[in-house]
Amino acid sequence: MLNAAEAAMDASAEDDAERQRNRAKLYAPPASERGRGRRRGRPPGTALDRAGAQALAAQLAAEDARMTGSR
């Protein structure tokens, strides 16, 4: 779809400078991402602490034991 948009914008441009400006607009990052100047970080609250990791491992072990014990 970008190729079709680029071709339409190129066809409507009057000179090379306008084609270059149009191409820069077309391939520019979204407005919400400009000006940040950095990559997106991890969303807050997604990391597990040691206790949470141990609890998750215990849940997985219990589920594994339950699943393999029923055979």
PDB file of N, CA and C in Angstrom:
ATOM      1  N   MET A   1       0.823  -1.191   0.000  1.00  0.00           N
ATOM      2  CA  MET A   1       0.000   0.000   0.000  1.00  0.00           C
ATOM      3  C   MET A   1       0.863   1.250   0.000  1.00  0.00           C
ATOM      4  N   LEU A   2       2.024   1.162   0.643  1.00  0.00           N
ATOM      5  CA  LEU A   2       2.893   2.334   0.638  1.00  0.00           C
ATOM      6  C   LEU A   2       3.370   2.658  -0.767  1.00  0.00           C
ATOM      7  N   ASN A   3       3.605   1.628  -1.578  1.00  0.00           N
ATOM      8  CA  ASN A   3       4.044   1.880  -2.945  1.00  0.00           C
ATOM      9  C   ASN A   3       2.966   2.608  -3.733  1.00  0.00           C
ATOM     10  N   ALA A   4       1.708   2.231  -3.547  1.00  0.00           N
ATOM     11  CA  ALA A   4       0.613   2.902  -4.247  1.00  0.00           C
ATOM     12  C   ALA A   4       0.483   4.339  -3.767  1.00  0.00           C
ATOM     13  N   ALA A   5       0.603   4.552  -2.467  1.00  0.00           N
ATOM     14  CA  ALA A   5       0.523   5.912  -1.927  1.00  0.00           C
ATOM     15  C   ALA A   5       1.688   6.747  -2.427  1.00  0.00           C
ATOM     16  N   GLU A   6       2.866   6.148  -2.443  1.00  0.00           N
ATOM     17  CA  GLU A   6       4.042   6.875  -2.913  1.00  0.00           C
ATOM     18  C   GLU A   6       3.905   7.227  -4.394  1.00  0.00           C
ATOM     19  N   ALA A   7       3.389   6.303  -5.201  1.00  0.00           N
ATOM     20  CA  ALA A   7       3.210   6.563  -6.630  1.00  0.00           C
ATOM     21  C   ALA A   7       2.193   7.674  -6.855  1.00  0.00           C
ATOM     22  N   ALA A   8       1.104   7.667  -6.093  1.00  0.00           N
ATOM     23  CA  ALA A   8       0.090   8.713  -6.238  1.00  0.00           C
ATOM     24  C   ALA A   8       0.648  10.068  -5.818  1.00  0.00           C
ATOM     25  N   MET A   9       1.423  10.085  -4.736  1.00  0.00           N
ATOM     26  CA  MET A   9       2.002  11.348  -4.278  1.00  0.00           C
ATOM     27  C   MET A   9       3.051  11.850  -5.265  1.00  0.00           C
ATOM     28  N   ASP A  10       3.827  10.932  -5.843  1.00  0.00           N
ATOM     29  CA  ASP A  10       4.824  11.327  -6.846  1.00  0.00           C
ATOM     30  C   ASP A  10       4.155  11.906  -8.082  1.00  0.00           C
ATOM     31  N   ALA A  11       3.040  11.315  -8.480  1.00  0.00           N
ATOM     32  CA  ALA A  11       2.344  11.790  -9.672  1.00  0.00           C
ATOM     33  C   ALA A  11       1.773  13.184  -9.465  1.00  0.00           C
ATOM     34  N   SER A  12       1.367  13.488  -8.244  1.00  0.00           N
ATOM     35  CA  SER A  12       0.765  14.798  -7.988  1.00  0.00           C
ATOM     36  C   SER A  12       1.807  15.877  -7.680  1.00  0.00           C
ATOM     37  N   ALA A  13       3.050  15.468  -7.414  1.00  0.00           N
ATOM     38  CA  ALA A  13       4.101  16.441  -7.087  1.00  0.00           C
ATOM     39  C   ALA A  13       4.510  17.224  -8.327  1.00  0.00           C
ATOM     40  N   GLU A  14       4.842  18.483  -8.109  1.00  0.00           N
ATOM     41  CA  GLU A  14       5.213  19.347  -9.227  1.00  0.00           C
ATOM     42  C   GLU A  14       6.711  19.316  -9.532  1.00  0.00           C
ATOM     43  N   ASP A  15       7.540  19.014  -8.538  1.00  0.00           N
ATOM     44  CA  ASP A  15       8.981  18.980  -8.774  1.00  0.00           C
ATOM     45  C   ASP A  15       9.640  17.966  -7.836  1.00  0.00           C
ATOM     46  N   ASP A  16      10.934  17.776  -8.022  1.00  0.00           N
ATOM     47  CA  ASP A  16      11.661  16.786  -7.223  1.00  0.00           C
ATOM     48  C   ASP A  16      11.683  17.134  -5.740  1.00  0.00           C
ATOM     49  N   ALA A  17      11.753  18.402  -5.423  1.00  0.00           N
ATOM     50  CA  ALA A  17      11.777  18.813  -4.014  1.00  0.00           C
ATOM     51  C   ALA A  17      10.465  18.430  -3.331  1.00  0.00           C
ATOM     52  N   GLU A  18       9.352  18.621  -4.028  1.00  0.00           N
ATOM     53  CA  GLU A  18       8.061  18.251  -3.445  1.00  0.00           C
ATOM     54  C   GLU A  18       7.954  16.730  -3.308  1.00  0.00           C
ATOM     55  N   ARG A  19       8.477  15.994  -4.278  1.00  0.00           N
ATOM     56  CA  ARG A  19       8.495  14.528  -4.178  1.00  0.00           C
ATOM     57  C   ARG A  19       9.293  14.082  -2.952  1.00  0.00           C
ATOM     58  N   GLN A  20      10.414  14.729  -2.722  1.00  0.00           N
ATOM     59  CA  GLN A  20      11.249  14.379  -1.572  1.00  0.00           C
ATOM     60  C   GLN A  20      10.536  14.706  -0.257  1.00  0.00           C
ATOM     61  N   ARG A  21       9.867  15.858  -0.188  1.00  0.00           N
ATOM     62  CA  ARG A  21       9.108  16.211   1.022  1.00  0.00           C
ATOM     63  C   ARG A  21       7.971  15.218   1.255  1.00  0.00           C
ATOM     64  N   ASN A  22       7.272  14.864   0.181  1.00  0.00           N
ATOM     65  CA  ASN A  22       6.174  13.901   0.308  1.00  0.00           C
ATOM     66  C   ASN A  22       6.679  12.551   0.800  1.00  0.00           C
ATOM     67  N   ARG A  23       7.805  12.106   0.273  1.00  0.00           N
ATOM     68  CA  ARG A  23       8.377  10.826   0.683  1.00  0.00           C
ATOM     69  C   ARG A  23       8.803  10.881   2.155  1.00  0.00           C
ATOM     70  N   ALA A  24       9.352  12.011   2.575  1.00  0.00           N
ATOM     71  CA  ALA A  24       9.758  12.159   3.981  1.00  0.00           C
ATOM     72  C   ALA A  24       8.543  12.097   4.897  1.00  0.00           C
ATOM     73  N   LYS A  25       7.435  12.714   4.487  1.00  0.00           N
ATOM     74  CA  LYS A  25       6.203  12.656   5.286  1.00  0.00           C
ATOM     75  C   LYS A  25       5.644  11.243   5.327  1.00  0.00           C
ATOM     76  N   LEU A  26       5.683  10.567   4.178  1.00  0.00           N
ATOM     77  CA  LEU A  26       5.103   9.228   4.088  1.00  0.00           C
ATOM     78  C   LEU A  26       5.838   8.231   4.979  1.00  0.00           C
ATOM     79  N   TYR A  27       7.151   8.308   5.009  1.00  0.00           N
ATOM     80  CA  TYR A  27       7.946   7.343   5.764  1.00  0.00           C
ATOM     81  C   TYR A  27       8.371   7.850   7.145  1.00  0.00           C
ATOM     82  N   ALA A  28       7.875   8.989   7.568  1.00  0.00           N
ATOM     83  CA  ALA A  28       8.212   9.523   8.893  1.00  0.00           C
ATOM     84  C   ALA A  28       7.562   8.667   9.974  1.00  0.00           C
ATOM     85  N   PRO A  29       8.184   8.568  11.144  1.00  0.00           N
ATOM     86  CA  PRO A  29       7.554   7.826  12.242  1.00  0.00           C
ATOM     87  C   PRO A  29       6.283   8.538  12.692  1.00  0.00           C
ATOM     88  N   PRO A  30       5.376   7.827  13.341  1.00  0.00           N
ATOM     89  CA  PRO A  30       4.138   8.447  13.818  1.00  0.00           C
ATOM     90  C   PRO A  30       4.429   9.627  14.741  1.00  0.00           C
ATOM     91  N   ALA A  31       3.510  10.564  14.782  1.00  0.00           N
ATOM     92  CA  ALA A  31       3.703  11.779  15.577  1.00  0.00           C
ATOM     93  C   ALA A  31       3.909  11.451  17.054  1.00  0.00           C
ATOM     94  N   SER A  32       3.280  10.402  17.541  1.00  0.00           N
ATOM     95  CA  SER A  32       3.435  10.046  18.955  1.00  0.00           C
ATOM     96  C   SER A  32       4.848   9.559  19.269  1.00  0.00           C
ATOM     97  N   GLU A  33       5.562   9.062  18.277  1.00  0.00           N
ATOM     98  CA  GLU A  33       6.915   8.551  18.493  1.00  0.00           C
ATOM     99  C   GLU A  33       7.992   9.598  18.251  1.00  0.00           C
ATOM    100  N   ARG A  34       7.677  10.637  17.524  1.00  0.00           N
ATOM    101  CA  ARG A  34       8.683  11.682  17.268  1.00  0.00           C
ATOM    102  C   ARG A  34       9.002  12.397  18.564  1.00  0.00           C
ATOM    103  N   GLY A  35      10.048  13.035  18.726  1.00  0.00           N
ATOM    104  CA  GLY A  35      10.331  13.856  19.895  1.00  0.00           C
ATOM    105  C   GLY A  35      10.688  13.082  21.146  1.00  0.00           C
ATOM    106  N   ARG A  36      10.405  11.813  21.192  1.00  0.00           N
ATOM    107  CA  ARG A  36      10.798  11.039  22.371  1.00  0.00           C
ATOM    108  C   ARG A  36      12.301  10.843  22.386  1.00  0.00           C
ATOM    109  N   GLY A  37      12.851  10.556  21.228  1.00  0.00           N
ATOM    110  CA  GLY A  37      14.289  10.417  21.122  1.00  0.00           C
ATOM    111  C   GLY A  37      14.851   9.183  21.794  1.00  0.00           C
ATOM    112  N   ARG A  38      13.994   8.269  22.171  1.00  0.00           N
ATOM    113  CA  ARG A  38      14.473   7.039  22.799  1.00  0.00           C
ATOM    114  C   ARG A  38      13.521   5.905  22.450  1.00  0.00           C
ATOM    115  N   ARG A  39      13.978   4.725  22.713  1.00  0.00           N
ATOM    116  CA  ARG A  39      13.143   3.559  22.445  1.00  0.00           C
ATOM    117  C   ARG A  39      12.144   3.375  23.571  1.00  0.00           C
ATOM    118  N   ARG A  40      11.107   2.652  23.267  1.00  0.00           N
ATOM    119  CA  ARG A  40      10.097   2.392  24.284  1.00  0.00           C
ATOM    120  C   ARG A  40      10.668   1.468  25.356  1.00  0.00           C
ATOM    121  N   GLY A  41      10.384   1.782  26.572  1.00  0.00           N
ATOM    122  CA  GLY A  41      10.840   0.956  27.674  1.00  0.00           C
ATOM    123  C   GLY A  41       9.816  -0.114  27.995  1.00  0.00           C
ATOM    124  N   ARG A  42      10.143  -0.900  28.966  1.00  0.00           N
ATOM    125  CA  ARG A  42       9.230  -1.932  29.407  1.00  0.00           C
ATOM    126  C   ARG A  42       8.063  -1.276  30.140  1.00  0.00           C
ATOM    127  N   PRO A  43       6.833  -1.708  29.902  1.00  0.00           N
ATOM    128  CA  PRO A  43       5.703  -1.143  30.637  1.00  0.00           C
ATOM    129  C   PRO A  43       5.852  -1.423  32.127  1.00  0.00           C
ATOM    130  N   PRO A  44       5.413  -0.512  32.963  1.00  0.00           N
ATOM    131  CA  PRO A  44       5.567  -0.713  34.406  1.00  0.00           C
ATOM    132  C   PRO A  44       4.738  -1.898  34.893  1.00  0.00           C
ATOM    133  N   GLY A  45       5.261  -2.578  35.875  1.00  0.00           N
ATOM    134  CA  GLY A  45       4.519  -3.659  36.506  1.00  0.00           C
ATOM    135  C   GLY A  45       4.612  -4.996  35.792  1.00  0.00           C
ATOM    136  N   THR A  46       5.514  -5.174  34.855  1.00  0.00           N
ATOM    137  CA  THR A  46       5.591  -6.448  34.146  1.00  0.00           C
ATOM    138  C   THR A  46       6.710  -7.342  34.658  1.00  0.00           C
ATOM    139  N   ALA A  47       7.569  -6.837  35.499  1.00  0.00           N
ATOM    140  CA  ALA A  47       8.696  -7.630  35.991  1.00  0.00           C
ATOM    141  C   ALA A  47       8.266  -8.467  37.198  1.00  0.00           C
ATOM    142  N   LEU A  48       8.845  -9.655  37.304  1.00  0.00           N
ATOM    143  CA  LEU A  48       8.608 -10.504  38.468  1.00  0.00           C
ATOM    144  C   LEU A  48       9.759 -10.338  39.447  1.00  0.00           C
ATOM    145  N   ASP A  49       9.416 -10.254  40.718  1.00  0.00           N
ATOM    146  CA  ASP A  49      10.476 -10.278  41.716  1.00  0.00           C
ATOM    147  C   ASP A  49      10.794 -11.740  42.031  1.00  0.00           C
ATOM    148  N   ARG A  50      11.743 -11.955  42.905  1.00  0.00           N
ATOM    149  CA  ARG A  50      12.179 -13.329  43.203  1.00  0.00           C
ATOM    150  C   ARG A  50      11.029 -14.166  43.779  1.00  0.00           C
ATOM    151  N   ALA A  51      10.249 -13.597  44.673  1.00  0.00           N
ATOM    152  CA  ALA A  51       9.145 -14.341  45.290  1.00  0.00           C
ATOM    153  C   ALA A  51       8.083 -14.688  44.249  1.00  0.00           C
ATOM    154  N   GLY A  52       7.806 -13.758  43.362  1.00  0.00           N
ATOM    155  CA  GLY A  52       6.826 -14.018  42.308  1.00  0.00           C
ATOM    156  C   GLY A  52       7.287 -15.108  41.362  1.00  0.00           C
ATOM    157  N   ALA A  53       8.575 -15.104  41.032  1.00  0.00           N
ATOM    158  CA  ALA A  53       9.123 -16.137  40.155  1.00  0.00           C
ATOM    159  C   ALA A  53       9.073 -17.506  40.825  1.00  0.00           C
ATOM    160  N   GLN A  54       9.368 -17.550  42.123  1.00  0.00           N
ATOM    161  CA  GLN A  54       9.311 -18.819  42.844  1.00  0.00           C
ATOM    162  C   GLN A  54       7.878 -19.330  42.938  1.00  0.00           C
ATOM    163  N   ALA A  55       6.930 -18.430  43.157  1.00  0.00           N
ATOM    164  CA  ALA A  55       5.526 -18.829  43.220  1.00  0.00           C
ATOM    165  C   ALA A  55       5.063 -19.367  41.865  1.00  0.00           C
ATOM    166  N   LEU A  56       5.476 -18.714  40.794  1.00  0.00           N
ATOM    167  CA  LEU A  56       5.120 -19.180  39.456  1.00  0.00           C
ATOM    168  C   LEU A  56       5.734 -20.549  39.175  1.00  0.00           C
ATOM    169  N   ALA A  57       6.985 -20.738  39.569  1.00  0.00           N
ATOM    170  CA  ALA A  57       7.640 -22.035  39.376  1.00  0.00           C
ATOM    171  C   ALA A  57       6.925 -23.121  40.174  1.00  0.00           C
ATOM    172  N   ALA A  58       6.474 -22.805  41.376  1.00  0.00           N
ATOM    173  CA  ALA A  58       5.746 -23.774  42.191  1.00  0.00           C
ATOM    174  C   ALA A  58       4.410 -24.130  41.544  1.00  0.00           C
ATOM    175  N   GLN A  59       3.721 -23.143  40.998  1.00  0.00           N
ATOM    176  CA  GLN A  59       2.456 -23.404  40.305  1.00  0.00           C
ATOM    177  C   GLN A  59       2.680 -24.304  39.094  1.00  0.00           C
ATOM    178  N   LEU A  60       3.733 -24.019  38.334  1.00  0.00           N
ATOM    179  CA  LEU A  60       4.035 -24.833  37.158  1.00  0.00           C
ATOM    180  C   LEU A  60       4.391 -26.262  37.552  1.00  0.00           C
ATOM    181  N   ALA A  61       5.156 -26.412  38.620  1.00  0.00           N
ATOM    182  CA  ALA A  61       5.531 -27.745  39.082  1.00  0.00           C
ATOM    183  C   ALA A  61       4.297 -28.518  39.550  1.00  0.00           C
ATOM    184  N   ALA A  62       3.393 -27.847  40.257  1.00  0.00           N
ATOM    185  CA  ALA A  62       2.176 -28.505  40.729  1.00  0.00           C
ATOM    186  C   ALA A  62       1.295 -28.916  39.551  1.00  0.00           C
ATOM    187  N   GLU A  63       1.172 -28.048  38.571  1.00  0.00           N
ATOM    188  CA  GLU A  63       0.367 -28.381  37.396  1.00  0.00           C
ATOM    189  C   GLU A  63       1.005 -29.526  36.615  1.00  0.00           C
ATOM    190  N   ASP A  64       2.327 -29.500  36.498  1.00  0.00           N
ATOM    191  CA  ASP A  64       3.034 -30.567  35.794  1.00  0.00           C
ATOM    192  C   ASP A  64       2.833 -31.902  36.506  1.00  0.00           C
ATOM    193  N   ALA A  65       2.936 -31.890  37.830  1.00  0.00           N
ATOM    194  CA  ALA A  65       2.740 -33.114  38.603  1.00  0.00           C
ATOM    195  C   ALA A  65       1.311 -33.622  38.454  1.00  0.00           C
ATOM    196  N   ARG A  66       0.366 -32.714  38.445  1.00  0.00           N
ATOM    197  CA  ARG A  66      -1.034 -33.096  38.295  1.00  0.00           C
ATOM    198  C   ARG A  66      -1.278 -33.705  36.911  1.00  0.00           C
ATOM    199  N   MET A  67      -0.684 -33.110  35.884  1.00  0.00           N
ATOM    200  CA  MET A  67      -0.902 -33.583  34.519  1.00  0.00           C
ATOM    201  C   MET A  67      -0.204 -34.924  34.267  1.00  0.00           C
ATOM    202  N   THR A  68       0.997 -35.100  34.775  1.00  0.00           N
ATOM    203  CA  THR A  68       1.718 -36.355  34.536  1.00  0.00           C
ATOM    204  C   THR A  68       1.262 -37.451  35.483  1.00  0.00           C
ATOM    205  N   GLY A  69       0.707 -37.113  36.608  1.00  0.00           N
ATOM    206  CA  GLY A  69       0.242 -38.106  37.565  1.00  0.00           C
ATOM    207  C   GLY A  69      -1.060 -38.762  37.150  1.00  0.00           C
ATOM    208  N   SER A  70      -1.829 -38.138  36.271  1.00  0.00           N
ATOM    209  CA  SER A  70      -3.127 -38.685  35.891  1.00  0.00           C
ATOM    210  C   SER A  70      -3.025 -39.726  34.782  1.00  0.00           C
ATOM    211  N   ARG A  71      -1.829 -39.967  34.245  1.00  0.00           N
ATOM    212  CA  ARG A  71      -1.687 -40.946  33.147  1.00  0.00           C
ATOM    213  C   ARG A  71      -1.612 -42.338  33.651  1.00  0.00           C
TER     214      ARG A  71
END
